[in-house]
Amino acid sequence: MCELFSATGEHDVGGWATPYLLTEAGAAFCGYVYAVSDPTFEMHQAGNLIGPGTPELGGYTVSVTGLLENDGMVVYTAQRQSGVVVLKNDVGYELHNIPGSPSEFIAAVKSSLGRDASLFIGDEKPWPLRKLRVLQGVGGEIDVVIADHGNAISYSVHNTATEFHHRISLDMSDGIQLPDGVSVTKTSDKAVSLAVGECTIDLHADTLANLVSELARHRTDLIPEVPLKPTGDSIVVINPTWRTDSNIHPGLSGILLNLRHTGHGWLSYMLPHHEAKSLGEWLVAATTVPSVKNDPEI
């Protein structure tokens, strides 16, 4: 994008997109990162990680940030492993092209220009997975999985056959659309604040769990019912604690499966013996699939 803007002779739109937040106090620069992967979904197998893209095939990842000294901006391109520092002077702007990896670039900006630069792109290895968010189509098929590593986000594509579209916040704790006038805010590590209109209630872990259970109980009696196939997006609990038991009641024949969800609590399911057998056979067969080499923590 930067190359096209600077190369074309028709400057209907020139330079970099530079967003500002306008307030009564003035204008504040808003940094951002823009990334486009290679259009090669059909070359991927389901579950493969989506790479950052290459210049040859159309991939692009650009970080636009302001200098901490507030006298310029930084535009860094991951595929080129280089960036541009734009400094304001008395007559206009001066551009400084600096090569290097993100960490090398930041160090070079400090040593050569005496400026403190920050980027949305880093060269640090991603930390182990913390959360997974699964985006599913209307038919229940998985389109894409977003993994939160704490210091980075990675994507794996699953639907390589049909066009799909999802809108999601990158905040892995967000993404649920609440009714108008209702909001939930985490106020500390021990409490959240639930606001309904002008009424606000502070909820701690136990009282929040009771509220979740009561809402879930009423949800079972409402229509439309919960879809038989997963749809939309969901946050996945990694390596959950589980417990099983059998013959818990003379009137029930099957296996009791308990799964611990970090938000919903313990969820209990009674599986008929034939379903438990089918699930066990599928799980055993699935363990023969080679693990993802890109992240052994998965």
C-alpha atoms as a PDB file:
ATOM      1  CA  MET A   1       0.000   0.000   0.000  1.00  0.00           C
ATOM      2  CA  CYS A   2       2.772   2.441   0.927  1.00  0.00           C
ATOM      3  CA  GLU A   3       4.663   1.577  -2.263  1.00  0.00           C
ATOM      4  CA  LEU A   4       1.600   2.098  -4.448  1.00  0.00           C
ATOM      5  CA  PHE A   5       0.838   5.466  -2.887  1.00  0.00           C
ATOM      6  CA  SER A   6       4.377   6.756  -3.427  1.00  0.00           C
ATOM      7  CA  ALA A   7       4.805   5.258  -6.914  1.00  0.00           C
ATOM      8  CA  THR A   8       1.647   6.483  -8.597  1.00  0.00           C
ATOM      9  CA  GLY A   9       1.604   9.831 -10.380  1.00  0.00           C
ATOM     10  CA  GLU A  10      -2.069  10.427  -9.597  1.00  0.00           C
ATOM     11  CA  HIS A  11      -2.097  11.510  -5.993  1.00  0.00           C
ATOM     12  CA  ASP A  12      -5.823  11.483  -5.326  1.00  0.00           C
ATOM     13  CA  VAL A  13      -4.817   9.782  -2.089  1.00  0.00           C
ATOM     14  CA  GLY A  14      -1.221  10.087  -0.991  1.00  0.00           C
ATOM     15  CA  GLY A  15       0.961   9.022   1.906  1.00  0.00           C
ATOM     16  CA  TRP A  16      -0.238   6.821   4.747  1.00  0.00           C
ATOM     17  CA  ALA A  17      -3.654   6.660   6.269  1.00  0.00           C
ATOM     18  CA  THR A  18      -3.178   8.667   9.483  1.00  0.00           C
ATOM     19  CA  PRO A  19      -6.091   8.495  11.956  1.00  0.00           C
ATOM     20  CA  TYR A  20      -6.550  11.160  14.619  1.00  0.00           C
ATOM     21  CA  LEU A  21      -8.935  11.395  17.533  1.00  0.00           C
ATOM     22  CA  LEU A  22     -10.441  14.888  17.703  1.00  0.00           C
ATOM     23  CA  THR A  23     -11.473  16.224  21.104  1.00  0.00           C
ATOM     24  CA  GLU A  24     -12.043  19.624  22.683  1.00  0.00           C
ATOM     25  CA  ALA A  25      -8.427  19.518  23.832  1.00  0.00           C
ATOM     26  CA  GLY A  26      -7.116  19.022  20.280  1.00  0.00           C
ATOM     27  CA  ALA A  27      -6.060  16.149  18.017  1.00  0.00           C
ATOM     28  CA  ALA A  28      -4.402  12.928  19.218  1.00  0.00           C
ATOM     29  CA  PHE A  29      -2.631  10.555  16.830  1.00  0.00           C
ATOM     30  CA  CYS A  30      -3.989   6.971  16.750  1.00  0.00           C
ATOM     31  CA  GLY A  31      -1.552   4.212  15.865  1.00  0.00           C
ATOM     32  CA  TYR A  32      -2.685   1.062  14.100  1.00  0.00           C
ATOM     33  CA  VAL A  33      -1.517  -2.141  12.445  1.00  0.00           C
ATOM     34  CA  TYR A  34      -2.823  -3.346   9.074  1.00  0.00           C
ATOM     35  CA  ALA A  35      -2.233  -6.900   7.877  1.00  0.00           C
ATOM     36  CA  VAL A  36      -3.231  -8.821   4.741  1.00  0.00           C
ATOM     37  CA  SER A  37      -2.238 -12.462   4.257  1.00  0.00           C
ATOM     38  CA  ASP A  38      -1.467 -14.049   0.924  1.00  0.00           C
ATOM     39  CA  PRO A  39      -4.629 -15.038  -0.993  1.00  0.00           C
ATOM     40  CA  THR A  40      -3.623 -18.711  -0.865  1.00  0.00           C
ATOM     41  CA  PHE A  41      -6.337 -20.301   1.297  1.00  0.00           C
ATOM     42  CA  GLU A  42      -6.887 -23.030  -1.273  1.00  0.00           C
ATOM     43  CA  MET A  43      -3.241 -24.075  -0.834  1.00  0.00           C
ATOM     44  CA  HIS A  44      -3.667 -24.619   2.931  1.00  0.00           C
ATOM     45  CA  GLN A  45      -4.837 -27.740   4.686  1.00  0.00           C
ATOM     46  CA  ALA A  46      -7.482 -27.350   7.374  1.00  0.00           C
ATOM     47  CA  GLY A  47      -5.889 -26.214  10.608  1.00  0.00           C
ATOM     48  CA  ASN A  48      -2.719 -24.759   9.088  1.00  0.00           C
ATOM     49  CA  LEU A  49      -1.460 -21.484  10.501  1.00  0.00           C
ATOM     50  CA  ILE A  50      -2.054 -18.448   8.308  1.00  0.00           C
ATOM     51  CA  GLY A  51       1.296 -16.762   7.723  1.00  0.00           C
ATOM     52  CA  PRO A  52       1.850 -13.000   7.642  1.00  0.00           C
ATOM     53  CA  GLY A  53       2.103 -13.093   3.845  1.00  0.00           C
ATOM     54  CA  THR A  54       4.812 -12.344   1.308  1.00  0.00           C
ATOM     55  CA  PRO A  55       5.261  -9.330  -1.010  1.00  0.00           C
ATOM     56  CA  GLU A  56       5.321 -11.641  -4.047  1.00  0.00           C
ATOM     57  CA  LEU A  57       1.822 -12.981  -3.390  1.00  0.00           C
ATOM     58  CA  GLY A  58       0.238  -9.834  -2.003  1.00  0.00           C
ATOM     59  CA  GLY A  59       0.858 -10.187   1.715  1.00  0.00           C
ATOM     60  CA  TYR A  60       1.270  -6.987   3.691  1.00  0.00           C
ATOM     61  CA  THR A  61       1.734  -6.091   7.368  1.00  0.00           C
ATOM     62  CA  VAL A  62       2.310  -2.467   8.305  1.00  0.00           C
ATOM     63  CA  SER A  63       2.581  -0.831  11.726  1.00  0.00           C
ATOM     64  CA  VAL A  64       1.923   2.915  12.018  1.00  0.00           C
ATOM     65  CA  THR A  65       2.807   4.526  15.342  1.00  0.00           C
ATOM     66  CA  GLY A  66       3.733   7.917  16.705  1.00  0.00           C
ATOM     67  CA  LEU A  67       7.106   8.721  18.231  1.00  0.00           C
ATOM     68  CA  LEU A  68       7.077   9.086  22.004  1.00  0.00           C
ATOM     69  CA  GLU A  69       8.576  12.555  21.540  1.00  0.00           C
ATOM     70  CA  ASN A  70       5.458  13.546  19.515  1.00  0.00           C
ATOM     71  CA  ASP A  71       7.515  15.046  16.711  1.00  0.00           C
ATOM     72  CA  GLY A  72       6.930  12.402  14.039  1.00  0.00           C
ATOM     73  CA  MET A  73       5.627   8.974  13.116  1.00  0.00           C
ATOM     74  CA  VAL A  74       6.955   5.525  12.294  1.00  0.00           C
ATOM     75  CA  VAL A  75       5.814   3.250   9.457  1.00  0.00           C
ATOM     76  CA  TYR A  76       7.271  -0.272   9.631  1.00  0.00           C
ATOM     77  CA  THR A  77       6.670  -3.070   7.107  1.00  0.00           C
ATOM     78  CA  ALA A  78       7.126  -6.640   8.296  1.00  0.00           C
ATOM     79  CA  GLN A  79       7.683  -8.191   4.857  1.00  0.00           C
ATOM     80  CA  ARG A  80      10.469  -5.738   4.006  1.00  0.00           C
ATOM     81  CA  GLN A  81      11.995  -5.882   7.481  1.00  0.00           C
ATOM     82  CA  SER A  82      12.456  -2.121   7.340  1.00  0.00           C
ATOM     83  CA  GLY A  83      10.673   1.064   8.241  1.00  0.00           C
ATOM     84  CA  VAL A  84      10.447   4.793   7.703  1.00  0.00           C
ATOM     85  CA  VAL A  85      10.690   7.465  10.383  1.00  0.00           C
ATOM     86  CA  VAL A  86       8.952  10.724   9.468  1.00  0.00           C
ATOM     87  CA  LEU A  87      10.245  13.686  11.459  1.00  0.00           C
ATOM     88  CA  LYS A  88       8.719  17.161  11.428  1.00  0.00           C
ATOM     89  CA  ASN A  89      11.093  20.109  10.999  1.00  0.00           C
ATOM     90  CA  ASP A  90      10.759  23.843  10.448  1.00  0.00           C
ATOM     91  CA  VAL A  91      10.079  23.554   6.717  1.00  0.00           C
ATOM     92  CA  GLY A  92       8.165  20.281   6.492  1.00  0.00           C
ATOM     93  CA  TYR A  93       9.047  16.647   6.980  1.00  0.00           C
ATOM     94  CA  GLU A  94      12.174  14.537   6.584  1.00  0.00           C
ATOM     95  CA  LEU A  95      12.132  10.795   5.934  1.00  0.00           C
ATOM     96  CA  HIS A  96      14.642   8.324   7.342  1.00  0.00           C
ATOM     97  CA  ASN A  97      14.677   4.789   5.902  1.00  0.00           C
ATOM     98  CA  ILE A  98      16.028   2.280   8.426  1.00  0.00           C
ATOM     99  CA  PRO A  99      16.356  -1.483   7.767  1.00  0.00           C
ATOM    100  CA  GLY A 100      16.299  -4.301  10.298  1.00  0.00           C
ATOM    101  CA  SER A 101      14.037  -6.604  12.278  1.00  0.00           C
ATOM    102  CA  PRO A 102      11.575  -4.912  14.668  1.00  0.00           C
ATOM    103  CA  SER A 103      14.015  -4.988  17.591  1.00  0.00           C
ATOM    104  CA  GLU A 104      16.930  -3.924  15.372  1.00  0.00           C
ATOM    105  CA  PHE A 105      14.826  -1.135  13.887  1.00  0.00           C
ATOM    106  CA  ILE A 106      13.841   0.249  17.302  1.00  0.00           C
ATOM    107  CA  ALA A 107      17.472   0.174  18.453  1.00  0.00           C
ATOM    108  CA  ALA A 108      18.643   1.896  15.240  1.00  0.00           C
ATOM    109  CA  VAL A 109      16.036   4.655  15.583  1.00  0.00           C
ATOM    110  CA  LYS A 110      17.291   5.323  19.102  1.00  0.00           C
ATOM    111  CA  SER A 111      20.982   5.301  18.177  1.00  0.00           C
ATOM    112  CA  SER A 112      20.780   7.257  14.903  1.00  0.00           C
ATOM    113  CA  LEU A 113      17.904   9.656  15.561  1.00  0.00           C
ATOM    114  CA  GLY A 114      17.725   9.744  19.338  1.00  0.00           C
ATOM    115  CA  ARG A 115      14.027   8.886  19.233  1.00  0.00           C
ATOM    116  CA  ASP A 116      11.991   6.248  21.079  1.00  0.00           C
ATOM    117  CA  ALA A 117       9.949   4.167  18.631  1.00  0.00           C
ATOM    118  CA  SER A 118       7.346   1.523  19.387  1.00  0.00           C
ATOM    119  CA  LEU A 119       5.809  -0.984  16.973  1.00  0.00           C
ATOM    120  CA  PHE A 120       2.738  -3.202  16.857  1.00  0.00           C
ATOM    121  CA  ILE A 121       4.983  -5.846  15.259  1.00  0.00           C
ATOM    122  CA  GLY A 122       7.653  -7.757  17.178  1.00  0.00           C
ATOM    123  CA  ASP A 123      10.198 -10.482  16.512  1.00  0.00           C
ATOM    124  CA  GLU A 124       9.769 -12.179  19.886  1.00  0.00           C
ATOM    125  CA  LYS A 125       8.597 -15.795  19.728  1.00  0.00           C
ATOM    126  CA  PRO A 126       4.902 -16.078  20.678  1.00  0.00           C
ATOM    127  CA  TRP A 127       4.213 -17.220  24.220  1.00  0.00           C
ATOM    128  CA  PRO A 128       2.247 -20.450  24.859  1.00  0.00           C
ATOM    129  CA  LEU A 129      -1.458 -20.317  24.032  1.00  0.00           C
ATOM    130  CA  ARG A 130      -3.754 -18.676  26.578  1.00  0.00           C
ATOM    131  CA  LYS A 131      -7.113 -18.641  24.813  1.00  0.00           C
ATOM    132  CA  LEU A 132      -8.722 -19.891  21.635  1.00  0.00           C
ATOM    133  CA  ARG A 133     -11.684 -18.334  19.871  1.00  0.00           C
ATOM    134  CA  VAL A 134     -13.470 -20.498  17.310  1.00  0.00           C
ATOM    135  CA  LEU A 135     -15.455 -18.787  14.538  1.00  0.00           C
ATOM    136  CA  GLN A 136     -18.114 -21.029  13.022  1.00  0.00           C
ATOM    137  CA  GLY A 137     -20.491 -20.675  10.090  1.00  0.00           C
ATOM    138  CA  VAL A 138     -24.257 -21.105  10.091  1.00  0.00           C
ATOM    139  CA  GLY A 139     -23.867 -24.829   9.399  1.00  0.00           C
ATOM    140  CA  GLY A 140     -21.602 -25.382  12.379  1.00  0.00           C
ATOM    141  CA  GLU A 141     -18.409 -25.782  10.361  1.00  0.00           C
ATOM    142  CA  ILE A 142     -15.279 -24.103  11.682  1.00  0.00           C
ATOM    143  CA  ASP A 143     -14.120 -21.234   9.477  1.00  0.00           C
ATOM    144  CA  VAL A 144     -11.136 -19.910  11.393  1.00  0.00           C
ATOM    145  CA  VAL A 145      -9.571 -20.206  14.854  1.00  0.00           C
ATOM    146  CA  ILE A 146      -7.909 -17.226  16.567  1.00  0.00           C
ATOM    147  CA  ALA A 147      -5.275 -17.996  19.199  1.00  0.00           C
ATOM    148  CA  ASP A 148      -4.261 -15.488  21.870  1.00  0.00           C
ATOM    149  CA  HIS A 149      -0.638 -15.960  22.997  1.00  0.00           C
ATOM    150  CA  GLY A 150      -0.558 -12.959  25.312  1.00  0.00           C
ATOM    151  CA  ASN A 151       2.102 -11.186  23.241  1.00  0.00           C
ATOM    152  CA  ALA A 152       0.785 -12.143  19.796  1.00  0.00           C
ATOM    153  CA  ILE A 153      -2.235 -13.468  17.920  1.00  0.00           C
ATOM    154  CA  SER A 154      -2.137 -16.322  15.402  1.00  0.00           C
ATOM    155  CA  TYR A 155      -4.769 -17.673  13.040  1.00  0.00           C
ATOM    156  CA  SER A 156      -5.495 -21.088  11.565  1.00  0.00           C
ATOM    157  CA  VAL A 157      -7.812 -21.493   8.604  1.00  0.00           C
ATOM    158  CA  HIS A 158     -10.241 -24.429   8.408  1.00  0.00           C
ATOM    159  CA  ASN A 159     -12.777 -23.480   5.757  1.00  0.00           C
ATOM    160  CA  THR A 160     -10.854 -23.336   2.486  1.00  0.00           C
ATOM    161  CA  ALA A 161     -13.799 -24.192   0.236  1.00  0.00           C
ATOM    162  CA  THR A 162     -16.421 -21.488   0.706  1.00  0.00           C
ATOM    163  CA  GLU A 163     -16.423 -17.743   1.264  1.00  0.00           C
ATOM    164  CA  PHE A 164     -16.989 -16.663   4.853  1.00  0.00           C
ATOM    165  CA  HIS A 165     -17.157 -13.426   6.769  1.00  0.00           C
ATOM    166  CA  HIS A 166     -16.785 -12.707  10.480  1.00  0.00           C
ATOM    167  CA  ARG A 167     -16.575  -9.524  12.475  1.00  0.00           C
ATOM    168  CA  ILE A 168     -14.830  -9.853  15.814  1.00  0.00           C
ATOM    169  CA  SER A 169     -12.990  -7.747  18.354  1.00  0.00           C
ATOM    170  CA  LEU A 170      -9.334  -8.624  18.909  1.00  0.00           C
ATOM    171  CA  ASP A 171      -9.954  -8.326  22.646  1.00  0.00           C
ATOM    172  CA  MET A 172     -10.263 -12.033  23.449  1.00  0.00           C
ATOM    173  CA  SER A 173     -12.475 -11.275  26.435  1.00  0.00           C
ATOM    174  CA  ASP A 174     -14.970  -9.361  24.297  1.00  0.00           C
ATOM    175  CA  GLY A 175     -17.281 -10.197  21.424  1.00  0.00           C
ATOM    176  CA  ILE A 176     -20.709 -10.687  23.120  1.00  0.00           C
ATOM    177  CA  GLN A 177     -23.407  -8.234  22.068  1.00  0.00           C
ATOM    178  CA  LEU A 178     -25.396  -7.267  25.167  1.00  0.00           C
ATOM    179  CA  PRO A 179     -28.862  -5.636  25.110  1.00  0.00           C
ATOM    180  CA  ASP A 180     -29.006  -1.846  25.024  1.00  0.00           C
ATOM    181  CA  GLY A 181     -28.470  -0.362  28.459  1.00  0.00           C
ATOM    182  CA  VAL A 182     -26.721  -3.476  29.819  1.00  0.00           C
ATOM    183  CA  SER A 183     -22.978  -3.593  30.435  1.00  0.00           C
ATOM    184  CA  VAL A 184     -20.542  -5.730  32.425  1.00  0.00           C
ATOM    185  CA  THR A 185     -17.238  -4.262  33.607  1.00  0.00           C
ATOM    186  CA  LYS A 186     -14.459  -6.023  35.482  1.00  0.00           C
ATOM    187  CA  THR A 187     -13.592  -3.791  38.447  1.00  0.00           C
ATOM    188  CA  SER A 188     -10.951  -6.000  40.102  1.00  0.00           C
ATOM    189  CA  ASP A 189      -9.638  -9.558  40.176  1.00  0.00           C
ATOM    190  CA  LYS A 190     -12.509 -10.425  42.528  1.00  0.00           C
ATOM    191  CA  ALA A 191     -15.527  -8.535  41.211  1.00  0.00           C
ATOM    192  CA  VAL A 192     -17.429  -7.264  38.179  1.00  0.00           C
ATOM    193  CA  SER A 193     -19.982  -4.485  37.911  1.00  0.00           C
ATOM    194  CA  LEU A 194     -23.315  -5.245  36.213  1.00  0.00           C
ATOM    195  CA  ALA A 195     -25.181  -2.172  34.993  1.00  0.00           C
ATOM    196  CA  VAL A 196     -28.813  -2.312  33.813  1.00  0.00           C
ATOM    197  CA  GLY A 197     -29.959   1.163  32.938  1.00  0.00           C
ATOM    198  CA  GLU A 198     -29.164   3.381  35.905  1.00  0.00           C
ATOM    199  CA  CYS A 199     -28.943   0.442  38.341  1.00  0.00           C
ATOM    200  CA  THR A 200     -25.484  -0.984  39.090  1.00  0.00           C
ATOM    201  CA  ILE A 201     -24.713  -4.164  41.044  1.00  0.00           C
ATOM    202  CA  ASP A 202     -21.302  -5.442  42.145  1.00  0.00           C
ATOM    203  CA  LEU A 203     -20.929  -9.206  41.731  1.00  0.00           C
ATOM    204  CA  HIS A 204     -18.208 -11.398  43.189  1.00  0.00           C
ATOM    205  CA  ALA A 205     -17.226 -14.879  41.992  1.00  0.00           C
ATOM    206  CA  ASP A 206     -19.892 -16.827  43.906  1.00  0.00           C
ATOM    207  CA  THR A 207     -22.772 -14.444  43.232  1.00  0.00           C
ATOM    208  CA  LEU A 208     -21.774 -14.134  39.570  1.00  0.00           C
ATOM    209  CA  ALA A 209     -21.698 -17.942  39.244  1.00  0.00           C
ATOM    210  CA  ASN A 210     -25.197 -18.125  40.760  1.00  0.00           C
ATOM    211  CA  LEU A 211     -26.455 -15.524  38.297  1.00  0.00           C
ATOM    212  CA  VAL A 212     -24.923 -17.381  35.346  1.00  0.00           C
ATOM    213  CA  SER A 213     -26.527 -20.644  36.504  1.00  0.00           C
ATOM    214  CA  GLU A 214     -29.931 -19.013  36.958  1.00  0.00           C
ATOM    215  CA  LEU A 215     -29.794 -17.380  33.515  1.00  0.00           C
ATOM    216  CA  ALA A 216     -28.748 -20.700  31.963  1.00  0.00           C
ATOM    217  CA  ARG A 217     -31.667 -22.454  33.707  1.00  0.00           C
ATOM    218  CA  HIS A 218     -34.164 -20.020  32.190  1.00  0.00           C
ATOM    219  CA  ARG A 219     -32.455 -20.249  28.783  1.00  0.00           C
ATOM    220  CA  THR A 220     -33.353 -23.947  28.596  1.00  0.00           C
ATOM    221  CA  ASP A 221     -37.075 -23.020  28.536  1.00  0.00           C
ATOM    222  CA  LEU A 222     -36.856 -20.319  25.850  1.00  0.00           C
ATOM    223  CA  ILE A 223     -37.274 -20.530  22.098  1.00  0.00           C
ATOM    224  CA  PRO A 224     -35.577 -20.636  19.739  1.00  0.00           C
ATOM    225  CA  GLU A 225     -33.630 -23.480  21.302  1.00  0.00           C
ATOM    226  CA  VAL A 226     -29.832 -23.545  21.326  1.00  0.00           C
ATOM    227  CA  PRO A 227     -28.792 -24.621  17.786  1.00  0.00           C
ATOM    228  CA  LEU A 228     -27.887 -28.290  17.361  1.00  0.00           C
ATOM    229  CA  LYS A 229     -24.663 -27.209  15.643  1.00  0.00           C
ATOM    230  CA  PRO A 230     -22.188 -24.611  16.978  1.00  0.00           C
ATOM    231  CA  THR A 231     -22.507 -21.232  15.273  1.00  0.00           C
ATOM    232  CA  GLY A 232     -20.989 -17.785  15.673  1.00  0.00           C
ATOM    233  CA  ASP A 233     -17.880 -17.639  17.832  1.00  0.00           C
ATOM    234  CA  SER A 234     -16.933 -19.235  21.117  1.00  0.00           C
ATOM    235  CA  ILE A 235     -14.039 -19.045  23.545  1.00  0.00           C
ATOM    236  CA  VAL A 236     -12.358 -22.430  23.966  1.00  0.00           C
ATOM    237  CA  VAL A 237     -11.062 -23.673  27.317  1.00  0.00           C
ATOM    238  CA  ILE A 238      -7.656 -25.265  26.730  1.00  0.00           C
ATOM    239  CA  ASN A 239      -6.971 -28.601  28.437  1.00  0.00           C
ATOM    240  CA  PRO A 240     -10.046 -28.558  30.721  1.00  0.00           C
ATOM    241  CA  THR A 241     -10.337 -30.635  33.875  1.00  0.00           C
ATOM    242  CA  TRP A 242     -12.813 -33.499  33.423  1.00  0.00           C
ATOM    243  CA  ARG A 243     -14.459 -36.164  35.559  1.00  0.00           C
ATOM    244  CA  THR A 244     -16.596 -39.165  34.646  1.00  0.00           C
ATOM    245  CA  ASP A 245     -18.919 -41.536  36.475  1.00  0.00           C
ATOM    246  CA  SER A 246     -21.370 -44.283  35.527  1.00  0.00           C
ATOM    247  CA  ASN A 247     -24.606 -45.811  36.840  1.00  0.00           C
ATOM    248  CA  ILE A 248     -25.502 -42.703  38.818  1.00  0.00           C
ATOM    249  CA  HIS A 249     -29.242 -43.566  38.814  1.00  0.00           C
ATOM    250  CA  PRO A 250     -31.188 -46.782  38.140  1.00  0.00           C
ATOM    251  CA  GLY A 251     -33.366 -44.917  35.626  1.00  0.00           C
ATOM    252  CA  LEU A 252     -30.403 -43.703  33.573  1.00  0.00           C
ATOM    253  CA  SER A 253     -28.067 -45.876  31.544  1.00  0.00           C
ATOM    254  CA  GLY A 254     -24.907 -44.158  30.395  1.00  0.00           C
ATOM    255  CA  ILE A 255     -21.747 -42.288  31.301  1.00  0.00           C
ATOM    256  CA  LEU A 256     -21.756 -39.006  33.211  1.00  0.00           C
ATOM    257  CA  LEU A 257     -19.222 -36.570  31.715  1.00  0.00           C
ATOM    258  CA  ASN A 258     -18.286 -33.465  33.731  1.00  0.00           C
ATOM    259  CA  LEU A 259     -16.241 -30.711  32.090  1.00  0.00           C
ATOM    260  CA  ARG A 260     -14.852 -27.704  33.942  1.00  0.00           C
ATOM    261  CA  HIS A 261     -15.395 -24.408  32.107  1.00  0.00           C
ATOM    262  CA  THR A 262     -13.496 -21.465  33.603  1.00  0.00           C
ATOM    263  CA  GLY A 263     -16.487 -19.159  33.039  1.00  0.00           C
ATOM    264  CA  HIS A 264     -19.583 -21.363  33.172  1.00  0.00           C
ATOM    265  CA  GLY A 265     -18.381 -23.657  35.954  1.00  0.00           C
ATOM    266  CA  TRP A 266     -18.805 -27.432  35.893  1.00  0.00           C
ATOM    267  CA  LEU A 267     -21.001 -28.615  33.012  1.00  0.00           C
ATOM    268  CA  SER A 268     -22.492 -32.109  33.260  1.00  0.00           C
ATOM    269  CA  TYR A 269     -23.615 -34.331  30.392  1.00  0.00           C
ATOM    270  CA  MET A 270     -25.180 -37.805  30.409  1.00  0.00           C
ATOM    271  CA  LEU A 271     -24.000 -39.784  27.376  1.00  0.00           C
ATOM    272  CA  PRO A 272     -25.825 -43.010  26.419  1.00  0.00           C
ATOM    273  CA  HIS A 273     -23.422 -45.941  26.216  1.00  0.00           C
ATOM    274  CA  HIS A 274     -23.480 -46.056  22.410  1.00  0.00           C
ATOM    275  CA  GLU A 275     -22.726 -42.307  22.184  1.00  0.00           C
ATOM    276  CA  ALA A 276     -19.940 -42.613  24.769  1.00  0.00           C
ATOM    277  CA  LYS A 277     -18.468 -45.468  22.726  1.00  0.00           C
ATOM    278  CA  SER A 278     -18.664 -43.447  19.493  1.00  0.00           C
ATOM    279  CA  LEU A 279     -17.058 -40.432  21.155  1.00  0.00           C
ATOM    280  CA  GLY A 280     -14.277 -42.579  22.631  1.00  0.00           C
ATOM    281  CA  GLU A 281     -13.533 -44.194  19.274  1.00  0.00           C
ATOM    282  CA  TRP A 282     -13.421 -40.802  17.567  1.00  0.00           C
ATOM    283  CA  LEU A 283     -11.083 -39.369  20.229  1.00  0.00           C
ATOM    284  CA  VAL A 284      -8.736 -42.352  19.939  1.00  0.00           C
ATOM    285  CA  ALA A 285      -8.663 -41.990  16.143  1.00  0.00           C
ATOM    286  CA  ALA A 286      -8.053 -38.239  16.411  1.00  0.00           C
ATOM    287  CA  THR A 287      -4.981 -38.727  18.617  1.00  0.00           C
ATOM    288  CA  THR A 288      -3.218 -40.358  15.673  1.00  0.00           C
ATOM    289  CA  VAL A 289      -3.210 -37.002  13.837  1.00  0.00           C
ATOM    290  CA  PRO A 290       0.312 -35.434  13.985  1.00  0.00           C
ATOM    291  CA  SER A 291       0.562 -32.522  16.414  1.00  0.00           C
ATOM    292  CA  VAL A 292       0.984 -28.981  15.101  1.00  0.00           C
ATOM    293  CA  LYS A 293       4.744 -28.392  14.870  1.00  0.00           C
ATOM    294  CA  ASN A 294       4.399 -24.611  14.902  1.00  0.00           C
ATOM    295  CA  ASP A 295       3.238 -24.599  18.527  1.00  0.00           C
ATOM    296  CA  PRO A 296       3.870 -27.687  20.694  1.00  0.00           C
ATOM    297  CA  GLU A 297       1.668 -26.188  23.409  1.00  0.00           C
ATOM    298  CA  ILE A 298      -1.487 -26.742  21.325  1.00  0.00           C
END
